[in-house]
Amino acid sequence: MKFPLPRFIHASVKAKFLLFLLVIILTLATLLSLFFIQYQISNQKRIILNDAKAFSNLSVRPLGSAYNDYFDSGFIKFKEIADNILSLNENITKIQIVDVNGVVLYDSLDNRQTGAKLTQAERLEAVSTDKASSFENASGDVVEIVEPFFDDFGSHQISVRYFISYSTLLNSLFQSIPLAILIILFISVGSILLLLLIVNRTIIFPIETIAYGAGLVSKGQLDHRITLTTGDELEALSNEVNQMASSLQASIEALKDLDRLKDEFIIIASHNLRTPLTAIKGYLSIIGSEEEIKKHYSEMLAKISLSVAKLESIVEELINIVSLETRKTLGASNQINLNQLLQSLVENYSEKAAKKKVKLTISLPATQVLVLGDETKLKVALGNLIDNAIKFNKEGGQAEVEMVAASQEAVISIVDSGIGISEKEVPLVFEKFHRATDILRYNYEGLGLGLYLTKIIVEAHKGKVWFESKAEEGSRFFVSLPKFDTNLEKSSQ
């Protein structure tokens, strides 16, 4: 089962490259954004932690002193001092004053002595030691700093616990994201434009130049040459295309010369054959008039006349082909009555059909059909088709000539019940000098020029010829010719 390819696969190289470039740049931009955001988060956490450490180190003295001076005697005053100090750093969400035994003496959220006691060993050790301590959460972020307080006599009775929050990090991050996006977009667009410019000049444009030049060569403009100076494989490829075009041009010119020589040879040979043939026919007619000679050599004279007729037919075929191939059009055109022409052809071939026991019939429209053209050549073209319908028929078969007249054209069909045409021979039927393999099997004579001559004669009359056939089932050949409108002719006069 075949699946359809995505539409972008059939796009131009430039479109594919641009799409590929966009994917790469967007991927890099995404990675860069993630890196930038991670860097911003780490940097902001570091700033918050440094601020918290500095704040705890500087604020532990006034907090401890205020506790000793006001907590028991003037709690409101102490609370005011504590709140003012706490408001100086928005990242410190809570403070606790704890004695060295781990009893919480003050909690900024409860505003009173809680009486609770710390149970964790590391916390108990931190509040009792003379050095500052810090604690991290599961993510590795410092969330608590413990600072010891020493009174004026150097006594360590209490410590202050500072609880750090990173909630402001999100606000800072949201403020930096638009700038980051603008920077990344600027870098991405700049990178795309720069890369596109470089690649377009170094790769895409040379490829398009080669493709355009190759297209002109494929359309027959073999004198076109591709000019590239990239100094790489693309320049080598353009040179190869130029070399190929030069070779093709030389080969075609040689073939044209050969074809011209062939036509000249056919014309010379045909005219040189026509002269002795005319003389032979003349002498045969004189010899055939002598009763004594005719009595003894009538059979031989008949065979000679038949051979002369065949040679004459071949010569006329060759001359007609060269004439039509050279001019592509007919000479003088006359009105031709197709009804009469077809009727006379059927009568001429009726004897040949009877000898092969082929029933030859004709069906014509009641009205007369007129065409413009060369009657002699048209007889040759249609006669070839009728002759083939008899020649390639089976003994006891049938052949029918039928004409149907439409408003603008006449369609003639010649049907036979003969050997037909094999599928592999179908494309070659109208080729010059083509003789099908069945012809060898059935031992038919001919140069393979009949159908080719029919085709160029019909096309010279601005008509068309085609066929339908199956091996061993017979063939049906069609000829369509434009009708001649006598009314139109009269009105133009």
Protein backbone atom coordinates (compact mmCIF):
# COMPACT_ATOMS: atom_id res chain seq x y z
CA MET A 1 0.00 0.00 0.00
CA LYS A 2 1.43 3.39 -1.00
CA PHE A 3 0.98 6.40 1.27
CA PRO A 4 0.86 9.92 -0.19
CA LEU A 5 3.92 12.04 0.51
CA PRO A 6 3.50 15.23 2.55
CA ARG A 7 2.92 18.27 0.37
CA PHE A 8 6.08 20.06 1.54
CA ILE A 9 8.21 17.23 0.02
CA HIS A 10 7.18 18.46 -3.43
CA ALA A 11 8.05 22.09 -2.64
CA SER A 12 11.04 23.95 -4.10
CA VAL A 13 14.54 23.61 -2.65
CA LYS A 14 14.32 27.15 -1.27
CA ALA A 15 11.01 26.40 0.50
CA LYS A 16 12.39 23.15 1.91
CA PHE A 17 15.55 24.87 3.12
CA LEU A 18 13.55 27.71 4.68
CA LEU A 19 11.34 25.21 6.49
CA PHE A 20 14.39 23.27 7.67
CA LEU A 21 16.06 26.50 8.77
CA LEU A 22 12.96 27.59 10.69
CA VAL A 23 12.84 24.26 12.53
CA ILE A 24 16.54 24.51 13.44
CA ILE A 25 16.31 28.16 14.54
CA LEU A 26 13.12 27.56 16.56
CA THR A 27 14.73 24.55 18.24
CA LEU A 28 17.83 26.58 19.07
CA ALA A 29 15.67 29.49 20.21
CA THR A 30 13.69 27.18 22.50
CA LEU A 31 16.85 25.71 23.97
CA LEU A 32 18.31 29.19 24.35
CA SER A 33 15.11 30.36 26.07
CA LEU A 34 15.18 27.44 28.48
CA PHE A 35 18.84 28.10 29.22
CA PHE A 36 18.16 31.81 29.72
CA ILE A 37 15.21 31.12 32.05
CA GLN A 38 17.26 28.61 34.05
CA TYR A 39 20.09 31.09 34.26
CA GLN A 40 17.71 33.81 35.42
CA ILE A 41 16.23 31.53 38.08
CA SER A 42 19.65 30.55 39.39
CA ASN A 43 20.86 34.13 39.32
CA GLN A 44 17.77 35.45 41.14
CA LYS A 45 18.03 32.74 43.79
CA ARG A 46 21.64 33.66 44.34
CA ILE A 47 20.73 37.35 44.68
CA ILE A 48 17.88 36.58 47.11
CA LEU A 49 20.15 34.33 49.21
CA ASN A 50 22.96 36.91 49.33
CA ASP A 51 20.47 39.59 50.35
CA ALA A 52 19.03 37.29 53.00
CA LYS A 53 22.48 36.51 54.42
CA ALA A 54 23.43 40.18 54.51
CA PHE A 55 20.06 41.09 56.04
CA SER A 56 20.30 38.42 58.73
CA ASN A 57 23.84 39.39 59.61
CA LEU A 58 22.93 43.08 59.95
CA SER A 59 19.51 42.74 61.55
CA VAL A 60 20.27 40.16 64.27
CA ARG A 61 21.82 42.81 66.56
CA PRO A 62 18.89 45.28 66.55
CA LEU A 63 16.35 42.45 66.81
CA GLY A 64 18.14 40.83 69.77
CA SER A 65 18.59 44.16 71.53
CA ALA A 66 14.93 45.11 70.98
CA TYR A 67 13.86 41.75 72.38
CA ASN A 68 15.92 42.18 75.53
CA ASP A 69 14.81 45.79 75.98
CA TYR A 70 11.09 45.72 75.10
CA PHE A 71 9.64 42.22 74.79
CA ASP A 72 8.61 41.80 78.40
CA SER A 73 8.02 45.45 79.27
CA GLY A 74 6.73 46.89 76.02
CA PHE A 75 5.71 44.21 73.51
CA ILE A 76 4.06 46.70 71.16
CA LYS A 77 7.28 48.65 70.89
CA PHE A 78 9.22 45.45 70.21
CA LYS A 79 6.69 44.31 67.62
CA GLU A 80 6.89 47.68 65.86
CA ILE A 81 10.69 47.48 65.72
CA ALA A 82 10.56 43.83 64.52
CA ASP A 83 7.98 44.61 61.82
CA ASN A 84 9.99 47.61 60.59
CA ILE A 85 13.13 45.51 60.37
CA LEU A 86 11.28 42.64 58.66
CA SER A 87 9.75 44.99 56.08
CA LEU A 88 13.23 45.89 54.86
CA ASN A 89 13.53 42.52 53.05
CA GLU A 90 10.47 41.15 51.24
CA ASN A 91 12.10 37.74 50.80
CA ILE A 92 12.17 37.10 54.60
CA THR A 93 8.65 35.90 55.31
CA LYS A 94 9.06 35.11 59.02
CA ILE A 95 11.49 35.41 61.91
CA GLN A 96 11.66 33.48 65.17
CA ILE A 97 13.58 34.30 68.33
CA VAL A 98 14.67 31.02 69.97
CA ASP A 99 16.65 30.47 73.14
CA VAL A 100 19.65 28.15 73.25
CA ASN A 101 17.45 25.33 74.57
CA GLY A 102 15.25 25.43 71.45
CA VAL A 103 12.22 27.16 72.99
CA VAL A 104 10.54 29.54 70.54
CA LEU A 105 10.30 32.87 72.39
CA TYR A 106 8.76 34.89 69.54
CA ASP A 107 7.22 34.13 66.12
CA SER A 108 6.54 37.08 63.80
CA LEU A 109 3.43 35.38 62.44
CA ASP A 110 2.00 34.61 65.93
CA ASN A 111 3.36 37.84 67.49
CA ARG A 112 3.70 36.11 70.87
CA GLN A 113 5.82 33.59 72.62
CA THR A 114 4.63 30.26 71.35
CA GLY A 115 6.25 28.07 73.95
CA ALA A 116 6.96 25.47 71.30
CA LYS A 117 10.29 23.70 71.37
CA LEU A 118 12.43 22.62 68.46
CA THR A 119 12.75 18.87 68.15
CA GLN A 120 15.14 18.39 65.26
CA ALA A 121 18.68 17.84 66.42
CA GLU A 122 20.27 19.98 63.74
CA ARG A 123 17.98 22.87 64.55
CA LEU A 124 18.73 22.55 68.31
CA GLU A 125 22.42 22.50 67.55
CA ALA A 126 22.10 25.55 65.24
CA VAL A 127 20.37 27.74 67.86
CA SER A 128 22.84 26.78 70.56
CA THR A 129 26.04 27.22 68.58
CA ASP A 130 27.97 30.48 68.35
CA LYS A 131 28.15 30.41 64.56
CA ALA A 132 25.57 31.20 61.85
CA SER A 133 23.91 28.20 60.18
CA SER A 134 21.71 27.62 57.12
CA PHE A 135 19.32 24.87 56.01
CA GLU A 136 18.24 23.76 52.51
CA ASN A 137 15.04 22.20 51.20
CA ALA A 138 14.79 19.09 49.00
CA SER A 139 15.61 21.18 45.89
CA GLY A 140 18.87 22.46 47.37
CA ASP A 141 17.61 25.99 48.01
CA VAL A 142 18.54 27.67 51.32
CA VAL A 143 15.26 28.34 53.11
CA GLU A 144 16.44 29.11 56.66
CA ILE A 145 19.31 31.04 58.26
CA VAL A 146 20.05 30.92 61.99
CA GLU A 147 22.06 33.82 63.43
CA PRO A 148 23.28 33.80 67.09
CA PHE A 149 22.79 37.00 69.16
CA PHE A 150 25.44 38.12 71.65
CA ASP A 151 24.52 40.76 74.25
CA ASP A 152 26.82 43.53 75.42
CA PHE A 153 28.58 41.14 77.76
CA GLY A 154 29.22 38.57 75.01
CA SER A 155 26.65 36.19 76.36
CA HIS A 156 24.74 34.01 73.87
CA GLN A 157 21.22 33.47 75.20
CA ILE A 158 19.10 33.64 72.04
CA SER A 159 19.33 33.12 68.25
CA VAL A 160 17.21 34.49 65.40
CA ARG A 161 15.79 32.18 62.72
CA TYR A 162 15.17 33.83 59.32
CA PHE A 163 12.78 32.01 56.93
CA ILE A 164 13.48 32.77 53.24
CA SER A 165 10.82 32.76 50.48
CA TYR A 166 11.56 32.76 46.73
CA SER A 167 8.07 33.89 45.74
CA THR A 168 9.39 37.21 44.42
CA LEU A 169 11.45 35.18 41.98
CA LEU A 170 8.39 34.60 39.78
CA ASN A 171 7.63 38.32 39.54
CA SER A 172 11.23 39.04 38.62
CA LEU A 173 11.17 36.23 36.12
CA PHE A 174 7.94 37.45 34.50
CA GLN A 175 9.46 40.90 34.17
CA SER A 176 12.55 39.54 32.42
CA ILE A 177 10.73 37.12 30.07
CA PRO A 178 9.46 39.80 27.59
CA LEU A 179 12.97 41.17 27.25
CA ALA A 180 14.31 37.65 26.82
CA ILE A 181 11.69 36.89 24.17
CA LEU A 182 12.54 40.09 22.28
CA ILE A 183 16.25 39.30 22.41
CA ILE A 184 15.70 35.71 21.27
CA LEU A 185 13.33 36.80 18.48
CA PHE A 186 15.85 39.39 17.33
CA ILE A 187 18.63 36.79 17.34
CA SER A 188 16.40 34.20 15.60
CA VAL A 189 15.20 36.53 12.85
CA GLY A 190 18.69 37.91 12.36
CA SER A 191 20.13 34.40 12.18
CA ILE A 192 17.48 33.26 9.70
CA LEU A 193 18.02 36.27 7.44
CA LEU A 194 21.80 35.97 7.62
CA LEU A 195 21.81 32.23 6.99
CA LEU A 196 19.23 32.55 4.24
CA LEU A 197 21.30 35.27 2.55
CA ILE A 198 24.50 33.22 2.77
CA VAL A 199 22.93 29.92 1.71
CA ASN A 200 20.87 31.59 -1.02
CA ARG A 201 24.00 33.09 -2.56
CA THR A 202 26.22 30.04 -2.14
CA ILE A 203 23.80 27.14 -2.66
CA ILE A 204 20.18 27.99 -3.56
CA PHE A 205 20.90 30.52 -6.31
CA PRO A 206 23.47 28.26 -8.05
CA ILE A 207 21.07 25.30 -7.83
CA GLU A 208 18.22 27.41 -9.28
CA THR A 209 20.56 28.60 -12.05
CA ILE A 210 21.50 25.01 -12.89
CA ALA A 211 17.84 23.88 -12.74
CA TYR A 212 16.75 26.77 -14.99
CA GLY A 213 19.53 26.05 -17.49
CA ALA A 214 18.80 22.32 -17.48
CA GLY A 215 15.11 23.12 -18.06
CA LEU A 216 15.97 25.23 -21.12
CA VAL A 217 18.19 22.44 -22.44
CA SER A 218 15.40 19.90 -21.90
CA LYS A 219 13.08 22.16 -23.95
CA GLY A 220 15.48 22.14 -26.86
CA GLN A 221 17.55 25.30 -26.26
CA LEU A 222 20.80 23.39 -26.55
CA ASP A 223 22.86 26.55 -27.20
CA HIS A 224 22.12 27.82 -23.66
CA ARG A 225 25.12 27.72 -21.32
CA ILE A 226 25.13 27.95 -17.51
CA THR A 227 27.63 30.43 -16.05
CA LEU A 228 28.68 29.80 -12.44
CA THR A 229 31.89 30.81 -10.65
CA THR A 230 31.32 29.27 -7.22
CA GLY A 231 34.51 27.24 -7.39
CA ASP A 232 32.87 24.16 -5.88
CA GLU A 233 30.89 21.05 -6.87
CA LEU A 234 28.00 23.19 -8.15
CA GLU A 235 30.28 24.88 -10.67
CA ALA A 236 31.53 21.41 -11.70
CA LEU A 237 27.91 20.28 -12.09
CA SER A 238 27.05 23.31 -14.25
CA ASN A 239 30.07 22.53 -16.44
CA GLU A 240 28.86 18.93 -16.79
CA VAL A 241 25.39 20.18 -17.84
CA ASN A 242 27.02 22.51 -20.39
CA GLN A 243 29.12 19.62 -21.70
CA MET A 244 26.01 17.45 -21.95
CA ALA A 245 24.17 20.19 -23.87
CA SER A 246 27.12 20.57 -26.23
CA SER A 247 27.25 16.81 -26.82
CA LEU A 248 23.48 16.68 -27.42
CA GLN A 249 23.67 19.64 -29.79
CA ALA A 250 26.48 18.00 -31.74
CA SER A 251 24.60 14.69 -31.85
CA ILE A 252 21.36 16.33 -32.98
CA GLU A 253 23.16 18.30 -35.68
CA ALA A 254 24.79 15.07 -36.85
CA LEU A 255 21.39 13.35 -36.88
CA LYS A 256 19.88 16.25 -38.83
CA ASP A 257 22.67 15.99 -41.38
CA LEU A 258 22.16 12.24 -41.55
CA ASP A 259 18.40 12.66 -41.93
CA ARG A 260 18.92 15.26 -44.65
CA LEU A 261 21.32 12.94 -46.47
CA LYS A 262 18.79 10.13 -46.09
CA ASP A 263 16.05 12.26 -47.62
CA GLU A 264 18.36 13.30 -50.44
CA PHE A 265 19.30 9.67 -51.02
CA ILE A 266 15.64 8.60 -51.10
CA ILE A 267 14.76 11.37 -53.54
CA ILE A 268 17.70 10.56 -55.81
CA ALA A 269 17.14 6.81 -55.59
CA SER A 270 13.39 7.16 -56.12
CA HIS A 271 13.76 9.39 -59.17
CA ASN A 272 16.45 7.15 -60.59
CA LEU A 273 14.22 4.12 -60.04
CA ARG A 274 11.17 5.83 -61.51
CA THR A 275 12.86 6.40 -64.89
CA PRO A 276 13.78 2.74 -65.62
CA LEU A 277 10.42 1.63 -64.20
CA THR A 278 8.62 3.88 -66.65
CA ALA A 279 10.71 2.43 -69.49
CA ILE A 280 10.03 -1.16 -68.30
CA LYS A 281 6.29 -0.47 -68.15
CA GLY A 282 6.39 0.96 -71.67
CA TYR A 283 8.25 -1.99 -73.11
CA LEU A 284 5.93 -4.42 -71.27
CA SER A 285 2.89 -2.78 -72.81
CA ILE A 286 4.49 -3.09 -76.27
CA ILE A 287 5.51 -6.72 -75.68
CA GLY A 288 2.09 -7.53 -74.25
CA SER A 289 0.45 -6.29 -77.43
CA GLU A 290 2.28 -8.88 -79.52
CA GLU A 291 -0.09 -11.83 -79.70
CA GLU A 292 2.60 -14.44 -80.39
CA ILE A 293 4.72 -13.37 -77.42
CA LYS A 294 1.68 -12.93 -75.20
CA LYS A 295 0.57 -16.47 -76.07
CA HIS A 296 3.80 -18.11 -74.83
CA TYR A 297 4.93 -15.70 -72.08
CA SER A 298 1.69 -14.27 -70.68
CA GLU A 299 2.26 -15.74 -67.20
CA MET A 300 5.83 -14.40 -67.00
CA LEU A 301 4.70 -11.02 -68.29
CA ALA A 302 2.00 -10.90 -65.63
CA LYS A 303 4.55 -11.59 -62.89
CA ILE A 304 6.90 -8.95 -64.28
CA SER A 305 4.03 -6.43 -64.37
CA LEU A 306 3.14 -7.27 -60.76
CA SER A 307 6.75 -6.79 -59.62
CA VAL A 308 6.95 -3.49 -61.50
CA ALA A 309 3.73 -2.36 -59.83
CA LYS A 310 5.16 -3.23 -56.41
CA LEU A 311 8.39 -1.36 -57.12
CA GLU A 312 6.40 1.61 -58.38
CA SER A 313 4.29 1.57 -55.19
CA ILE A 314 7.42 1.53 -53.02
CA VAL A 315 8.97 4.39 -54.98
CA GLU A 316 5.79 6.48 -54.67
CA GLU A 317 5.65 5.77 -50.92
CA LEU A 318 9.22 6.95 -50.45
CA ILE A 319 8.69 10.09 -52.52
CA ASN A 320 5.45 10.92 -50.67
CA ILE A 321 7.11 10.47 -47.27
CA VAL A 322 10.07 12.71 -48.07
CA SER A 323 7.78 15.31 -49.63
CA LEU A 324 5.41 15.45 -46.65
CA GLU A 325 8.17 15.29 -44.02
CA THR A 326 9.96 18.20 -45.68
CA ARG A 327 6.97 20.49 -46.25
CA LYS A 328 4.63 19.28 -43.45
CA THR A 329 1.71 20.56 -45.56
CA LEU A 330 -0.01 19.64 -48.80
CA GLY A 331 0.35 21.52 -52.04
CA ALA A 332 -2.82 22.51 -53.84
CA SER A 333 -6.06 21.41 -52.12
CA ASN A 334 -9.25 20.43 -53.94
CA GLN A 335 -12.72 19.43 -52.86
CA ILE A 336 -12.90 15.69 -52.31
CA ASN A 337 -16.10 13.66 -52.08
CA LEU A 338 -15.31 11.17 -49.34
CA ASN A 339 -18.34 8.99 -50.18
CA GLN A 340 -17.13 8.45 -53.72
CA LEU A 341 -13.48 8.03 -52.67
CA LEU A 342 -14.27 5.35 -50.10
CA GLN A 343 -16.68 3.58 -52.46
CA SER A 344 -14.02 3.41 -55.19
CA LEU A 345 -11.38 2.14 -52.73
CA VAL A 346 -13.67 -0.67 -51.52
CA GLU A 347 -14.36 -1.66 -55.13
CA ASN A 348 -10.63 -1.67 -55.91
CA TYR A 349 -9.85 -3.92 -52.92
CA SER A 350 -12.88 -6.21 -53.31
CA GLU A 351 -10.99 -8.64 -55.56
CA LYS A 352 -8.11 -8.91 -53.06
CA ALA A 353 -10.63 -9.48 -50.23
CA ALA A 354 -12.41 -12.17 -52.24
CA LYS A 355 -9.14 -14.04 -52.85
CA LYS A 356 -8.57 -14.20 -49.08
CA LYS A 357 -12.24 -15.00 -48.45
CA VAL A 358 -12.67 -11.82 -46.40
CA LYS A 359 -16.11 -10.22 -46.51
CA LEU A 360 -15.51 -6.52 -47.26
CA THR A 361 -18.47 -4.17 -46.62
CA ILE A 362 -19.02 -0.41 -46.55
CA SER A 363 -21.47 1.85 -44.71
CA LEU A 364 -21.78 5.51 -45.76
CA PRO A 365 -24.06 8.38 -44.70
CA ALA A 366 -26.88 9.40 -47.07
CA THR A 367 -25.50 12.93 -47.46
CA GLN A 368 -22.31 13.64 -49.38
CA VAL A 369 -19.29 14.53 -47.22
CA LEU A 370 -16.73 16.94 -48.66
CA VAL A 371 -13.19 17.62 -47.46
CA LEU A 372 -10.32 19.72 -48.80
CA GLY A 373 -7.07 18.05 -49.74
CA ASP A 374 -5.05 15.97 -52.14
CA GLU A 375 -7.26 13.13 -53.41
CA THR A 376 -4.35 11.00 -54.61
CA LYS A 377 -2.58 11.13 -51.26
CA LEU A 378 -5.80 10.62 -49.32
CA LYS A 379 -6.46 7.49 -51.42
CA VAL A 380 -3.02 6.21 -50.42
CA ALA A 381 -3.67 6.87 -46.72
CA LEU A 382 -7.11 5.27 -46.56
CA GLY A 383 -6.11 2.54 -49.01
CA ASN A 384 -3.31 1.49 -46.66
CA LEU A 385 -5.82 1.00 -43.85
CA ILE A 386 -8.22 -1.03 -46.03
CA ASP A 387 -5.33 -3.08 -47.41
CA ASN A 388 -4.14 -3.86 -43.84
CA ALA A 389 -7.67 -4.85 -42.80
CA ILE A 390 -7.58 -7.50 -45.56
CA LYS A 391 -3.89 -8.42 -45.32
CA PHE A 392 -3.87 -8.99 -41.56
CA ASN A 393 -7.28 -10.63 -41.45
CA LYS A 394 -8.05 -14.30 -40.98
CA GLU A 395 -9.37 -16.38 -43.83
CA GLY A 396 -13.15 -16.14 -43.78
CA GLY A 397 -12.99 -12.97 -41.66
CA GLN A 398 -14.77 -9.67 -42.04
CA ALA A 399 -13.68 -6.10 -42.77
CA GLU A 400 -15.95 -3.07 -42.71
CA VAL A 401 -15.44 0.52 -43.81
CA GLU A 402 -17.80 2.96 -42.11
CA MET A 403 -18.10 6.75 -42.15
CA VAL A 404 -20.03 8.92 -39.69
CA ALA A 405 -20.46 12.64 -40.42
CA ALA A 406 -20.59 15.09 -37.51
CA SER A 407 -21.11 18.84 -37.73
CA GLN A 408 -17.43 19.73 -38.05
CA GLU A 409 -15.72 16.51 -39.03
CA ALA A 410 -16.05 13.15 -40.70
CA VAL A 411 -14.90 10.04 -38.84
CA ILE A 412 -13.95 6.99 -40.90
CA SER A 413 -13.45 3.63 -39.20
CA ILE A 414 -11.94 0.51 -40.75
CA VAL A 415 -12.71 -2.60 -38.68
CA ASP A 416 -11.31 -6.10 -39.16
CA SER A 417 -11.57 -9.44 -37.39
CA GLY A 418 -7.91 -10.23 -37.94
CA ILE A 419 -4.85 -11.03 -35.86
CA GLY A 420 -4.91 -7.74 -33.94
CA ILE A 421 -1.96 -5.92 -32.41
CA SER A 422 -0.09 -7.07 -29.29
CA GLU A 423 0.12 -4.66 -26.36
CA LYS A 424 3.88 -4.20 -26.67
CA GLU A 425 3.53 -3.22 -30.35
CA VAL A 426 0.87 -0.55 -29.74
CA PRO A 427 3.26 2.41 -29.15
CA LEU A 428 5.23 1.54 -32.31
CA VAL A 429 2.41 1.11 -34.82
CA PHE A 430 2.83 4.49 -36.53
CA GLU A 431 6.65 4.46 -36.39
CA LYS A 432 8.63 4.61 -39.61
CA PHE A 433 9.89 1.20 -40.87
CA HIS A 434 8.16 -0.63 -38.03
CA ARG A 435 7.16 -4.19 -38.87
CA ALA A 436 5.49 -6.09 -36.04
CA THR A 437 6.72 -9.51 -34.95
CA ASP A 438 3.41 -11.04 -36.08
CA ILE A 439 4.25 -9.93 -39.62
CA LEU A 440 7.30 -12.20 -39.56
CA ARG A 441 5.21 -15.05 -38.22
CA TYR A 442 2.55 -14.62 -40.91
CA ASN A 443 5.15 -13.82 -43.60
CA TYR A 444 3.63 -10.52 -44.75
CA GLU A 445 5.48 -8.29 -47.16
CA GLY A 446 6.15 -4.58 -46.71
CA LEU A 447 8.73 -2.02 -45.60
CA GLY A 448 6.76 -0.83 -42.59
CA LEU A 449 5.98 2.55 -44.18
CA GLY A 450 2.23 2.21 -44.80
CA LEU A 451 0.85 3.34 -41.44
CA TYR A 452 3.57 5.97 -41.03
CA LEU A 453 2.64 7.38 -44.45
CA THR A 454 -1.06 7.26 -43.52
CA LYS A 455 -0.36 9.23 -40.35
CA ILE A 456 1.59 12.05 -41.99
CA ILE A 457 -0.92 12.31 -44.88
CA VAL A 458 -3.88 12.53 -42.47
CA GLU A 459 -2.08 15.09 -40.29
CA ALA A 460 -1.18 17.10 -43.42
CA HIS A 461 -4.98 17.25 -44.01
CA LYS A 462 -5.33 18.61 -40.41
CA GLY A 463 -6.88 15.34 -39.31
CA LYS A 464 -6.13 12.65 -36.73
CA VAL A 465 -5.61 8.90 -36.89
CA TRP A 466 -5.78 6.42 -34.00
CA PHE A 467 -6.78 2.82 -33.33
CA GLU A 468 -8.10 0.25 -30.89
CA SER A 469 -6.85 -3.32 -30.97
CA LYS A 470 -6.36 -6.53 -29.04
CA ALA A 471 -4.19 -9.44 -30.06
CA GLU A 472 -6.16 -12.16 -31.92
CA GLU A 473 -9.38 -10.09 -31.68
CA GLY A 474 -8.94 -7.68 -34.58
CA SER A 475 -8.39 -3.94 -34.91
CA ARG A 476 -10.38 -0.76 -35.46
CA PHE A 477 -8.58 2.19 -37.06
CA PHE A 478 -10.12 5.67 -37.02
CA VAL A 479 -9.47 8.67 -39.24
CA SER A 480 -11.07 12.05 -38.54
CA LEU A 481 -10.96 14.79 -41.19
CA PRO A 482 -12.36 18.34 -41.00
CA LYS A 483 -15.38 18.77 -43.27
CA PHE A 484 -15.48 21.37 -46.00
CA ASP A 485 -18.44 23.73 -45.55
CA THR A 486 -19.69 24.82 -48.99
CA ASN A 487 -22.05 27.39 -47.45
CA LEU A 488 -19.16 29.03 -45.63
CA GLU A 489 -17.17 29.06 -48.86
CA LYS A 490 -20.02 30.77 -50.73
CA SER A 491 -20.50 33.42 -48.02
CA SER A 492 -16.78 34.26 -48.10
CA GLN A 493 -17.01 34.85 -51.84
